[in-house]
Amino acid sequence: MRVTVPYLSLTFYARRGYGAQMTSEHSHEPTPEQIRRAPKVLLHDHLDGGLRPGTIVDLARETGYEALPENEPDKLGVWFREAADSGSLERYLETFSHTVGVMQTRDALVRVAAECAEDLAEDGVVYAEIRYAPNSTSRAG
């Protein structure tokens, strides 16, 4: 599942126990599973805003990126969630320094893009417009 930094998939966090509140069984609102299965269109998403926590940790290890606030995927997922929900623009923008920081190689970009497509498909997205800034992901050449 994709961890979207700015938008944070509630389904992702609920399934992994990161504390996202979901609707109850007694509610007339759709369940997380109904929402996941429904076809969706995503017209604006950022590749660097939706990496899996495990991927971030793996890529940091592979590339020598040492600035992660947490080195365990579950703890990193909680950190991203708290930063996104903090109400602080500074803290929110800090999340991108870590995602972009691990996206500095061709192999990292290929992995992140493939996982993005997998995660969106799993969430029922049938059409997506994904963007990223190549100049932000070319520091390593």
C-alpha atoms as a PDB file:
ATOM      1  CA  MET A   1       0.000   0.000   0.000  1.00  0.00           C
ATOM      2  CA  ARG A   2       1.125   3.482  -0.816  1.00  0.00           C
ATOM      3  CA  VAL A   3       1.864   5.955   1.983  1.00  0.00           C
ATOM      4  CA  THR A   4       0.800   9.229   0.532  1.00  0.00           C
ATOM      5  CA  VAL A   5       2.475  11.901   2.560  1.00  0.00           C
ATOM      6  CA  PRO A   6       0.079  14.753   1.797  1.00  0.00           C
ATOM      7  CA  TYR A   7      -3.085  12.727   1.502  1.00  0.00           C
ATOM      8  CA  LEU A   8      -2.353   9.585   3.525  1.00  0.00           C
ATOM      9  CA  SER A   9      -4.485   6.636   2.556  1.00  0.00           C
ATOM     10  CA  LEU A  10      -6.687   5.849   5.539  1.00  0.00           C
ATOM     11  CA  THR A  11      -7.092   2.325   4.238  1.00  0.00           C
ATOM     12  CA  PHE A  12      -3.316   1.847   4.330  1.00  0.00           C
ATOM     13  CA  TYR A  13      -3.005   3.080   7.876  1.00  0.00           C
ATOM     14  CA  ALA A  14      -6.036   1.265   9.225  1.00  0.00           C
ATOM     15  CA  ARG A  15      -4.879  -2.062   7.810  1.00  0.00           C
ATOM     16  CA  ARG A  16      -1.478  -1.607   9.394  1.00  0.00           C
ATOM     17  CA  GLY A  17      -2.669  -0.289  12.754  1.00  0.00           C
ATOM     18  CA  TYR A  18      -1.189   3.204  12.544  1.00  0.00           C
ATOM     19  CA  GLY A  19      -4.177   4.699  14.323  1.00  0.00           C
ATOM     20  CA  ALA A  20      -6.320   6.062  11.478  1.00  0.00           C
ATOM     21  CA  GLN A  21      -9.953   6.261  12.444  1.00  0.00           C
ATOM     22  CA  MET A  22     -12.298   4.325  10.178  1.00  0.00           C
ATOM     23  CA  THR A  23     -16.077   4.062  10.090  1.00  0.00           C
ATOM     24  CA  SER A  24     -17.773   1.602  12.396  1.00  0.00           C
ATOM     25  CA  GLU A  25     -19.830  -1.417  11.365  1.00  0.00           C
ATOM     26  CA  HIS A  26     -22.972   0.407  12.468  1.00  0.00           C
ATOM     27  CA  SER A  27     -22.408   3.435  10.297  1.00  0.00           C
ATOM     28  CA  HIS A  28     -24.174   4.041   6.990  1.00  0.00           C
ATOM     29  CA  GLU A  29     -20.895   5.200   5.538  1.00  0.00           C
ATOM     30  CA  PRO A  30     -19.011   2.818   3.242  1.00  0.00           C
ATOM     31  CA  THR A  31     -16.518   0.467   4.814  1.00  0.00           C
ATOM     32  CA  PRO A  32     -12.803   0.724   4.033  1.00  0.00           C
ATOM     33  CA  GLU A  33     -13.114  -2.402   1.876  1.00  0.00           C
ATOM     34  CA  GLN A  34     -16.006  -0.904  -0.123  1.00  0.00           C
ATOM     35  CA  ILE A  35     -13.988   2.263  -0.672  1.00  0.00           C
ATOM     36  CA  ARG A  36     -10.912   0.256  -1.697  1.00  0.00           C
ATOM     37  CA  ARG A  37     -12.898  -1.760  -4.267  1.00  0.00           C
ATOM     38  CA  ALA A  38     -14.675   1.248  -5.805  1.00  0.00           C
ATOM     39  CA  PRO A  39     -13.100   2.490  -9.066  1.00  0.00           C
ATOM     40  CA  LYS A  40     -11.336   5.814  -8.594  1.00  0.00           C
ATOM     41  CA  VAL A  41      -9.614   8.509 -10.641  1.00  0.00           C
ATOM     42  CA  LEU A  42      -6.612  10.346  -9.205  1.00  0.00           C
ATOM     43  CA  LEU A  43      -5.910  13.545 -11.104  1.00  0.00           C
ATOM     44  CA  HIS A  44      -3.023  14.918  -9.065  1.00  0.00           C
ATOM     45  CA  ASP A  45      -0.509  12.862  -7.127  1.00  0.00           C
ATOM     46  CA  HIS A  46       3.209  13.199  -6.485  1.00  0.00           C
ATOM     47  CA  LEU A  47       5.512  10.212  -6.843  1.00  0.00           C
ATOM     48  CA  ASP A  48       7.677  11.478  -3.971  1.00  0.00           C
ATOM     49  CA  GLY A  49       4.647  11.829  -1.724  1.00  0.00           C
ATOM     50  CA  GLY A  50       3.617   8.209  -1.494  1.00  0.00           C
ATOM     51  CA  LEU A  51       6.429   5.790  -0.753  1.00  0.00           C
ATOM     52  CA  ARG A  52       5.936   2.701   1.369  1.00  0.00           C
ATOM     53  CA  PRO A  53       7.721   3.001   4.735  1.00  0.00           C
ATOM     54  CA  GLY A  54       9.534  -0.283   4.115  1.00  0.00           C
ATOM     55  CA  THR A  55      10.723   0.985   0.756  1.00  0.00           C
ATOM     56  CA  ILE A  56      12.044   4.181   2.315  1.00  0.00           C
ATOM     57  CA  VAL A  57      14.002   2.177   4.890  1.00  0.00           C
ATOM     58  CA  ASP A  58      15.333  -0.237   2.231  1.00  0.00           C
ATOM     59  CA  LEU A  59      16.374   2.547  -0.132  1.00  0.00           C
ATOM     60  CA  ALA A  60      17.990   4.527   2.689  1.00  0.00           C
ATOM     61  CA  ARG A  61      20.063   1.476   3.570  1.00  0.00           C
ATOM     62  CA  GLU A  62      20.977   0.817  -0.089  1.00  0.00           C
ATOM     63  CA  THR A  63      21.899   4.421  -0.874  1.00  0.00           C
ATOM     64  CA  GLY A  64      23.539   5.390   2.401  1.00  0.00           C
ATOM     65  CA  TYR A  65      20.864   7.958   3.278  1.00  0.00           C
ATOM     66  CA  GLU A  66      21.270   8.425   7.042  1.00  0.00           C
ATOM     67  CA  ALA A  67      18.788  11.177   7.922  1.00  0.00           C
ATOM     68  CA  LEU A  68      15.633   9.104   8.500  1.00  0.00           C
ATOM     69  CA  PRO A  69      13.823   9.954  11.749  1.00  0.00           C
ATOM     70  CA  GLU A  70      13.067   6.225  12.264  1.00  0.00           C
ATOM     71  CA  ASN A  71      14.723   3.122  10.814  1.00  0.00           C
ATOM     72  CA  GLU A  72      11.903   0.636  11.395  1.00  0.00           C
ATOM     73  CA  PRO A  73       9.119   0.706   8.763  1.00  0.00           C
ATOM     74  CA  ASP A  74       6.230   0.657  11.260  1.00  0.00           C
ATOM     75  CA  LYS A  75       7.703   3.473  13.335  1.00  0.00           C
ATOM     76  CA  LEU A  76       8.518   5.437  10.189  1.00  0.00           C
ATOM     77  CA  GLY A  77       4.911   5.031   8.993  1.00  0.00           C
ATOM     78  CA  VAL A  78       3.677   6.474  12.289  1.00  0.00           C
ATOM     79  CA  TRP A  79       6.186   9.328  12.012  1.00  0.00           C
ATOM     80  CA  PHE A  80       4.940  10.206   8.510  1.00  0.00           C
ATOM     81  CA  ARG A  81       1.323  10.069   9.659  1.00  0.00           C
ATOM     82  CA  GLU A  82       1.987  12.318  12.644  1.00  0.00           C
ATOM     83  CA  ALA A  83       3.955  14.792  10.518  1.00  0.00           C
ATOM     84  CA  ALA A  84       1.190  14.977   7.919  1.00  0.00           C
ATOM     85  CA  ASP A  85      -1.484  15.463  10.585  1.00  0.00           C
ATOM     86  CA  SER A  86       0.520  17.895  12.728  1.00  0.00           C
ATOM     87  CA  GLY A  87      -0.878  21.090  11.223  1.00  0.00           C
ATOM     88  CA  SER A  88       2.681  22.347  10.771  1.00  0.00           C
ATOM     89  CA  LEU A  89       3.717  23.161   7.203  1.00  0.00           C
ATOM     90  CA  GLU A  90       7.373  22.928   8.206  1.00  0.00           C
ATOM     91  CA  ARG A  91       6.945  19.438   9.641  1.00  0.00           C
ATOM     92  CA  TYR A  92       4.814  18.346   6.684  1.00  0.00           C
ATOM     93  CA  LEU A  93       7.422  19.532   4.170  1.00  0.00           C
ATOM     94  CA  GLU A  94      10.162  17.745   6.122  1.00  0.00           C
ATOM     95  CA  THR A  95       8.627  14.442   5.037  1.00  0.00           C
ATOM     96  CA  PHE A  96       9.549  15.186   1.428  1.00  0.00           C
ATOM     97  CA  SER A  97      13.218  15.665   2.277  1.00  0.00           C
ATOM     98  CA  HIS A  98      13.267  11.996   3.287  1.00  0.00           C
ATOM     99  CA  THR A  99      11.290  10.598   0.365  1.00  0.00           C
ATOM    100  CA  VAL A 100      13.251  12.627  -2.181  1.00  0.00           C
ATOM    101  CA  GLY A 101      16.446  11.812  -0.301  1.00  0.00           C
ATOM    102  CA  VAL A 102      16.071   8.100  -1.050  1.00  0.00           C
ATOM    103  CA  MET A 103      14.923   8.626  -4.671  1.00  0.00           C
ATOM    104  CA  GLN A 104      18.316   9.605  -6.069  1.00  0.00           C
ATOM    105  CA  THR A 105      19.111   6.593  -8.249  1.00  0.00           C
ATOM    106  CA  ARG A 106      17.555   5.124 -11.358  1.00  0.00           C
ATOM    107  CA  ASP A 107      16.834   1.850  -9.535  1.00  0.00           C
ATOM    108  CA  ALA A 108      15.132   3.705  -6.687  1.00  0.00           C
ATOM    109  CA  LEU A 109      12.921   5.618  -9.131  1.00  0.00           C
ATOM    110  CA  VAL A 110      11.981   2.423 -10.964  1.00  0.00           C
ATOM    111  CA  ARG A 111      11.069   0.702  -7.699  1.00  0.00           C
ATOM    112  CA  VAL A 112       9.070   3.654  -6.365  1.00  0.00           C
ATOM    113  CA  ALA A 113       7.177   4.062  -9.659  1.00  0.00           C
ATOM    114  CA  ALA A 114       6.358   0.348  -9.881  1.00  0.00           C
ATOM    115  CA  GLU A 115       5.144   0.237  -6.277  1.00  0.00           C
ATOM    116  CA  CYS A 116       3.098   3.376  -6.876  1.00  0.00           C
ATOM    117  CA  ALA A 117       1.287   1.664  -9.759  1.00  0.00           C
ATOM    118  CA  GLU A 118       0.751  -1.494  -7.688  1.00  0.00           C
ATOM    119  CA  ASP A 119      -0.588   0.420  -4.694  1.00  0.00           C
ATOM    120  CA  LEU A 120      -2.931   2.588  -6.729  1.00  0.00           C
ATOM    121  CA  ALA A 121      -4.323  -0.487  -8.504  1.00  0.00           C
ATOM    122  CA  GLU A 122      -4.839  -2.197  -5.139  1.00  0.00           C
ATOM    123  CA  ASP A 123      -6.763   0.870  -3.970  1.00  0.00           C
ATOM    124  CA  GLY A 124      -9.044   0.678  -7.014  1.00  0.00           C
ATOM    125  CA  VAL A 125      -7.510   3.564  -8.950  1.00  0.00           C
ATOM    126  CA  VAL A 126      -8.259   3.015 -12.640  1.00  0.00           C
ATOM    127  CA  TYR A 127      -6.671   6.248 -13.915  1.00  0.00           C
ATOM    128  CA  ALA A 128      -3.950   8.365 -12.319  1.00  0.00           C
ATOM    129  CA  GLU A 129      -1.872  11.391 -13.251  1.00  0.00           C
ATOM    130  CA  ILE A 130       1.369  11.084 -11.306  1.00  0.00           C
ATOM    131  CA  ARG A 131       4.030  13.773 -11.389  1.00  0.00           C
ATOM    132  CA  TYR A 132       7.479  14.316  -9.991  1.00  0.00           C
ATOM    133  CA  ALA A 133      10.341  16.784 -10.368  1.00  0.00           C
ATOM    134  CA  PRO A 134      13.284  15.125 -12.147  1.00  0.00           C
ATOM    135  CA  ASN A 135      15.611  17.896 -10.956  1.00  0.00           C
ATOM    136  CA  SER A 136      14.885  16.832  -7.351  1.00  0.00           C
ATOM    137  CA  THR A 137      15.837  13.227  -7.995  1.00  0.00           C
ATOM    138  CA  SER A 138      19.072  13.696  -9.902  1.00  0.00           C
ATOM    139  CA  ARG A 139      21.494  14.778  -7.177  1.00  0.00           C
ATOM    140  CA  ALA A 140      23.372  11.488  -7.485  1.00  0.00           C
ATOM    141  CA  GLY A 141      23.742  11.908 -11.226  1.00  0.00           C
END
